[in-house]
Amino acid sequence: MGDLTEFKRYKIGQAAKMLDLKPYVLRFWESEFRELEPIRTETGQRLYTEANIELVREIKRLLYDEGLTIEGARKRLEDREKHDILREVHSELLEIRKLLDF
């Protein structure tokens, strides 16, 4: 049986309470951080996934704990994405190298 947390969905009020934020902050951050895109129901209700929640935690940490501006936080998240992609490519290249050395 797999990890069921990937299927959890939180309404905006639930997510805001869990993150100790106001719902309007989440809505504003959605407009500022392209990565933050909750699922929308047919009626337009926002549903936040665990991945969304983790991203909001990171945004909150960058803004509140590190004191970055929104632009600074946005840049840091973009740099993290690039770094993650490079790490993935590096890992795949190492796997290819192992296959070729065999």
N, C-alpha and C. Protein backbone atom coordinates (compact mmCIF):
# COMPACT_ATOMS: atom_id res chain seq x y z
N MET A 1 0.84 -1.18 0.00
CA MET A 1 0.00 0.00 0.00
C MET A 1 0.88 1.25 0.00
N GLY A 2 0.69 2.13 -0.96
CA GLY A 2 1.53 3.31 -1.12
C GLY A 2 1.24 4.39 -0.09
N ASP A 3 2.03 5.43 -0.16
CA ASP A 3 1.87 6.57 0.72
C ASP A 3 0.65 7.37 0.29
N LEU A 4 -0.35 7.45 1.13
CA LEU A 4 -1.60 8.12 0.77
C LEU A 4 -1.54 9.64 0.87
N THR A 5 -0.44 10.18 1.43
CA THR A 5 -0.35 11.63 1.58
C THR A 5 -0.33 12.33 0.23
N GLU A 6 0.11 11.64 -0.83
CA GLU A 6 0.13 12.28 -2.14
C GLU A 6 -1.27 12.55 -2.66
N PHE A 7 -2.27 11.90 -2.09
CA PHE A 7 -3.65 12.08 -2.54
C PHE A 7 -4.43 13.07 -1.67
N LYS A 8 -3.85 13.51 -0.56
CA LYS A 8 -4.55 14.45 0.31
C LYS A 8 -4.70 15.79 -0.40
N ARG A 9 -5.85 16.39 -0.18
CA ARG A 9 -6.15 17.71 -0.73
C ARG A 9 -6.71 18.56 0.40
N TYR A 10 -6.30 19.82 0.44
CA TYR A 10 -6.74 20.72 1.49
C TYR A 10 -7.39 21.94 0.86
N LYS A 11 -8.56 22.30 1.37
CA LYS A 11 -9.20 23.54 0.94
C LYS A 11 -8.35 24.70 1.43
N ILE A 12 -8.54 25.87 0.84
CA ILE A 12 -7.68 27.01 1.15
C ILE A 12 -7.72 27.36 2.64
N GLY A 13 -8.88 27.28 3.26
CA GLY A 13 -8.97 27.57 4.69
C GLY A 13 -8.20 26.58 5.54
N GLN A 14 -8.28 25.30 5.16
CA GLN A 14 -7.54 24.26 5.88
C GLN A 14 -6.04 24.46 5.71
N ALA A 15 -5.63 24.73 4.48
CA ALA A 15 -4.20 24.94 4.20
C ALA A 15 -3.69 26.16 4.96
N ALA A 16 -4.44 27.23 4.93
CA ALA A 16 -4.03 28.46 5.61
C ALA A 16 -3.88 28.22 7.12
N LYS A 17 -4.83 27.53 7.70
CA LYS A 17 -4.76 27.25 9.14
C LYS A 17 -3.56 26.37 9.46
N MET A 18 -3.34 25.36 8.64
CA MET A 18 -2.23 24.44 8.86
C MET A 18 -0.89 25.17 8.75
N LEU A 19 -0.81 26.18 7.90
CA LEU A 19 0.43 26.92 7.66
C LEU A 19 0.53 28.20 8.48
N ASP A 20 -0.49 28.46 9.29
CA ASP A 20 -0.54 29.66 10.11
C ASP A 20 -0.45 30.92 9.24
N LEU A 21 -1.27 30.94 8.20
CA LEU A 21 -1.37 32.07 7.28
C LEU A 21 -2.84 32.40 7.07
N LYS A 22 -3.09 33.56 6.52
CA LYS A 22 -4.45 33.94 6.14
C LYS A 22 -4.70 33.47 4.71
N PRO A 23 -5.93 33.10 4.38
CA PRO A 23 -6.22 32.65 3.01
C PRO A 23 -5.83 33.67 1.93
N TYR A 24 -5.98 34.97 2.23
CA TYR A 24 -5.64 35.97 1.22
C TYR A 24 -4.15 35.97 0.92
N VAL A 25 -3.33 35.56 1.89
CA VAL A 25 -1.88 35.46 1.66
C VAL A 25 -1.61 34.36 0.64
N LEU A 26 -2.27 33.23 0.81
CA LEU A 26 -2.10 32.13 -0.15
C LEU A 26 -2.53 32.56 -1.55
N ARG A 27 -3.65 33.24 -1.63
CA ARG A 27 -4.13 33.70 -2.94
C ARG A 27 -3.13 34.67 -3.57
N PHE A 28 -2.58 35.57 -2.75
CA PHE A 28 -1.60 36.52 -3.26
C PHE A 28 -0.34 35.80 -3.72
N TRP A 29 0.15 34.87 -2.92
CA TRP A 29 1.37 34.14 -3.29
C TRP A 29 1.17 33.35 -4.57
N GLU A 30 -0.04 32.87 -4.82
CA GLU A 30 -0.31 32.18 -6.09
C GLU A 30 -0.03 33.09 -7.27
N SER A 31 -0.34 34.37 -7.12
CA SER A 31 -0.12 35.32 -8.21
C SER A 31 1.35 35.70 -8.35
N GLU A 32 2.13 35.50 -7.30
CA GLU A 32 3.53 35.91 -7.30
C GLU A 32 4.50 34.77 -7.61
N PHE A 33 4.10 33.54 -7.30
CA PHE A 33 4.98 32.39 -7.49
C PHE A 33 4.32 31.41 -8.45
N ARG A 34 4.82 31.35 -9.67
CA ARG A 34 4.20 30.53 -10.71
C ARG A 34 4.16 29.05 -10.34
N GLU A 35 5.09 28.61 -9.49
CA GLU A 35 5.16 27.21 -9.10
C GLU A 35 3.97 26.81 -8.22
N LEU A 36 3.39 27.80 -7.54
CA LEU A 36 2.29 27.54 -6.63
C LEU A 36 0.97 27.58 -7.40
N GLU A 37 0.50 26.41 -7.74
CA GLU A 37 -0.72 26.32 -8.55
C GLU A 37 -1.60 25.19 -8.00
N PRO A 38 -2.48 25.53 -7.06
CA PRO A 38 -3.35 24.49 -6.51
C PRO A 38 -4.34 23.97 -7.55
N ILE A 39 -4.87 22.80 -7.30
CA ILE A 39 -5.89 22.21 -8.16
C ILE A 39 -7.15 23.05 -8.03
N ARG A 40 -7.88 23.21 -9.12
CA ARG A 40 -9.16 23.93 -9.08
C ARG A 40 -10.28 22.94 -9.37
N THR A 41 -11.31 22.99 -8.54
CA THR A 41 -12.48 22.16 -8.80
C THR A 41 -13.31 22.80 -9.89
N GLU A 42 -14.36 22.14 -10.32
CA GLU A 42 -15.24 22.71 -11.35
C GLU A 42 -15.86 24.02 -10.90
N THR A 43 -16.05 24.16 -9.59
CA THR A 43 -16.63 25.39 -9.06
C THR A 43 -15.58 26.45 -8.75
N GLY A 44 -14.30 26.15 -9.04
CA GLY A 44 -13.24 27.13 -8.83
C GLY A 44 -12.59 27.09 -7.46
N GLN A 45 -12.99 26.14 -6.65
CA GLN A 45 -12.42 26.05 -5.30
C GLN A 45 -10.98 25.53 -5.40
N ARG A 46 -10.10 26.14 -4.61
CA ARG A 46 -8.70 25.73 -4.59
C ARG A 46 -8.53 24.51 -3.69
N LEU A 47 -7.74 23.56 -4.18
CA LEU A 47 -7.36 22.40 -3.38
C LEU A 47 -5.85 22.28 -3.42
N TYR A 48 -5.25 22.35 -2.24
CA TYR A 48 -3.80 22.30 -2.13
C TYR A 48 -3.34 20.88 -1.87
N THR A 49 -2.33 20.44 -2.63
CA THR A 49 -1.74 19.12 -2.45
C THR A 49 -0.62 19.21 -1.41
N GLU A 50 -0.09 18.06 -1.04
CA GLU A 50 1.05 18.05 -0.11
C GLU A 50 2.23 18.80 -0.72
N ALA A 51 2.43 18.65 -2.03
CA ALA A 51 3.52 19.37 -2.70
C ALA A 51 3.30 20.89 -2.62
N ASN A 52 2.05 21.33 -2.79
CA ASN A 52 1.74 22.76 -2.64
C ASN A 52 2.05 23.24 -1.24
N ILE A 53 1.67 22.43 -0.25
CA ILE A 53 1.89 22.79 1.15
C ILE A 53 3.39 22.94 1.43
N GLU A 54 4.18 21.99 0.93
CA GLU A 54 5.63 22.07 1.13
C GLU A 54 6.22 23.31 0.46
N LEU A 55 5.73 23.64 -0.73
CA LEU A 55 6.19 24.83 -1.42
C LEU A 55 5.83 26.08 -0.63
N VAL A 56 4.63 26.14 -0.10
CA VAL A 56 4.23 27.31 0.69
C VAL A 56 5.09 27.42 1.95
N ARG A 57 5.40 26.29 2.56
CA ARG A 57 6.30 26.32 3.72
C ARG A 57 7.66 26.91 3.35
N GLU A 58 8.17 26.53 2.19
CA GLU A 58 9.45 27.05 1.73
C GLU A 58 9.35 28.55 1.43
N ILE A 59 8.29 28.97 0.78
CA ILE A 59 8.08 30.40 0.50
C ILE A 59 8.00 31.18 1.81
N LYS A 60 7.24 30.67 2.75
CA LYS A 60 7.09 31.32 4.04
C LYS A 60 8.43 31.44 4.75
N ARG A 61 9.23 30.37 4.69
CA ARG A 61 10.55 30.39 5.33
C ARG A 61 11.44 31.45 4.68
N LEU A 62 11.43 31.49 3.36
CA LEU A 62 12.27 32.46 2.65
C LEU A 62 11.85 33.90 2.96
N LEU A 63 10.55 34.14 2.99
CA LEU A 63 10.05 35.50 3.23
C LEU A 63 10.14 35.90 4.69
N TYR A 64 9.70 35.05 5.58
CA TYR A 64 9.58 35.42 6.98
C TYR A 64 10.86 35.15 7.78
N ASP A 65 11.47 34.00 7.57
CA ASP A 65 12.66 33.65 8.36
C ASP A 65 13.93 34.27 7.79
N GLU A 66 14.09 34.17 6.46
CA GLU A 66 15.30 34.72 5.84
C GLU A 66 15.16 36.20 5.49
N GLY A 67 13.92 36.70 5.51
CA GLY A 67 13.70 38.12 5.26
C GLY A 67 13.88 38.53 3.81
N LEU A 68 13.74 37.59 2.87
CA LEU A 68 13.87 37.93 1.46
C LEU A 68 12.63 38.68 0.97
N THR A 69 12.81 39.44 -0.07
CA THR A 69 11.67 40.05 -0.75
C THR A 69 11.00 38.97 -1.59
N ILE A 70 9.85 39.29 -2.14
CA ILE A 70 9.18 38.32 -3.01
C ILE A 70 10.07 38.01 -4.21
N GLU A 71 10.68 39.03 -4.77
CA GLU A 71 11.58 38.81 -5.91
C GLU A 71 12.77 37.94 -5.51
N GLY A 72 13.32 38.17 -4.33
CA GLY A 72 14.44 37.36 -3.84
C GLY A 72 14.03 35.91 -3.61
N ALA A 73 12.85 35.72 -3.04
CA ALA A 73 12.34 34.37 -2.82
C ALA A 73 12.09 33.67 -4.15
N ARG A 74 11.53 34.41 -5.09
CA ARG A 74 11.26 33.86 -6.42
C ARG A 74 12.57 33.38 -7.07
N LYS A 75 13.60 34.21 -6.97
CA LYS A 75 14.91 33.89 -7.55
C LYS A 75 15.49 32.65 -6.87
N ARG A 76 15.39 32.58 -5.57
CA ARG A 76 15.92 31.44 -4.82
C ARG A 76 15.22 30.15 -5.23
N LEU A 77 13.91 30.22 -5.41
CA LEU A 77 13.16 29.03 -5.85
C LEU A 77 13.56 28.62 -7.26
N GLU A 78 13.76 29.60 -8.15
CA GLU A 78 14.18 29.29 -9.51
C GLU A 78 15.56 28.65 -9.51
N ASP A 79 16.47 29.19 -8.69
CA ASP A 79 17.82 28.62 -8.59
C ASP A 79 17.75 27.19 -8.06
N ARG A 80 16.86 26.95 -7.10
CA ARG A 80 16.71 25.61 -6.54
C ARG A 80 16.22 24.65 -7.61
N GLU A 81 15.28 25.09 -8.44
CA GLU A 81 14.77 24.25 -9.53
C GLU A 81 15.89 23.89 -10.49
N LYS A 82 16.69 24.89 -10.87
CA LYS A 82 17.80 24.64 -11.79
C LYS A 82 18.80 23.66 -11.18
N HIS A 83 19.09 23.85 -9.90
CA HIS A 83 20.03 22.99 -9.20
C HIS A 83 19.50 21.56 -9.15
N ASP A 84 18.20 21.40 -8.88
CA ASP A 84 17.59 20.07 -8.83
C ASP A 84 17.69 19.38 -10.19
N ILE A 85 17.46 20.13 -11.25
CA ILE A 85 17.54 19.56 -12.61
C ILE A 85 18.97 19.13 -12.90
N LEU A 86 19.93 19.98 -12.55
CA LEU A 86 21.34 19.63 -12.78
C LEU A 86 21.74 18.39 -11.99
N ARG A 87 21.25 18.28 -10.77
CA ARG A 87 21.55 17.11 -9.94
C ARG A 87 20.97 15.85 -10.58
N GLU A 88 19.78 15.96 -11.12
CA GLU A 88 19.13 14.84 -11.78
C GLU A 88 19.91 14.41 -13.03
N VAL A 89 20.32 15.38 -13.83
CA VAL A 89 21.09 15.09 -15.04
C VAL A 89 22.41 14.44 -14.66
N HIS A 90 23.06 14.97 -13.64
CA HIS A 90 24.34 14.41 -13.18
C HIS A 90 24.17 12.96 -12.76
N SER A 91 23.12 12.67 -12.03
CA SER A 91 22.85 11.32 -11.59
C SER A 91 22.63 10.38 -12.77
N GLU A 92 21.87 10.84 -13.75
CA GLU A 92 21.61 10.03 -14.94
C GLU A 92 22.89 9.79 -15.74
N LEU A 93 23.74 10.81 -15.82
CA LEU A 93 25.00 10.64 -16.53
C LEU A 93 25.90 9.63 -15.82
N LEU A 94 25.89 9.64 -14.51
CA LEU A 94 26.68 8.65 -13.76
C LEU A 94 26.18 7.24 -14.03
N GLU A 95 24.86 7.08 -14.13
CA GLU A 95 24.28 5.77 -14.44
C GLU A 95 24.71 5.32 -15.84
N ILE A 96 24.68 6.23 -16.79
CA ILE A 96 25.11 5.90 -18.16
C ILE A 96 26.57 5.51 -18.16
N ARG A 97 27.38 6.24 -17.41
CA ARG A 97 28.83 5.94 -17.32
C ARG A 97 29.06 4.54 -16.77
N LYS A 98 28.27 4.18 -15.73
CA LYS A 98 28.39 2.83 -15.18
C LYS A 98 28.07 1.78 -16.23
N LEU A 99 27.03 2.02 -17.01
CA LEU A 99 26.65 1.08 -18.07
C LEU A 99 27.75 0.95 -19.13
N LEU A 100 28.37 2.07 -19.48
CA LEU A 100 29.42 2.05 -20.49
C LEU A 100 30.71 1.41 -19.98
N ASP A 101 31.00 1.57 -18.70
CA ASP A 101 32.20 0.98 -18.11
C ASP A 101 32.07 -0.51 -17.90
N PHE A 102 30.86 -0.99 -17.90
CA PHE A 102 30.60 -2.41 -17.65
C PHE A 102 31.04 -3.18 -18.83
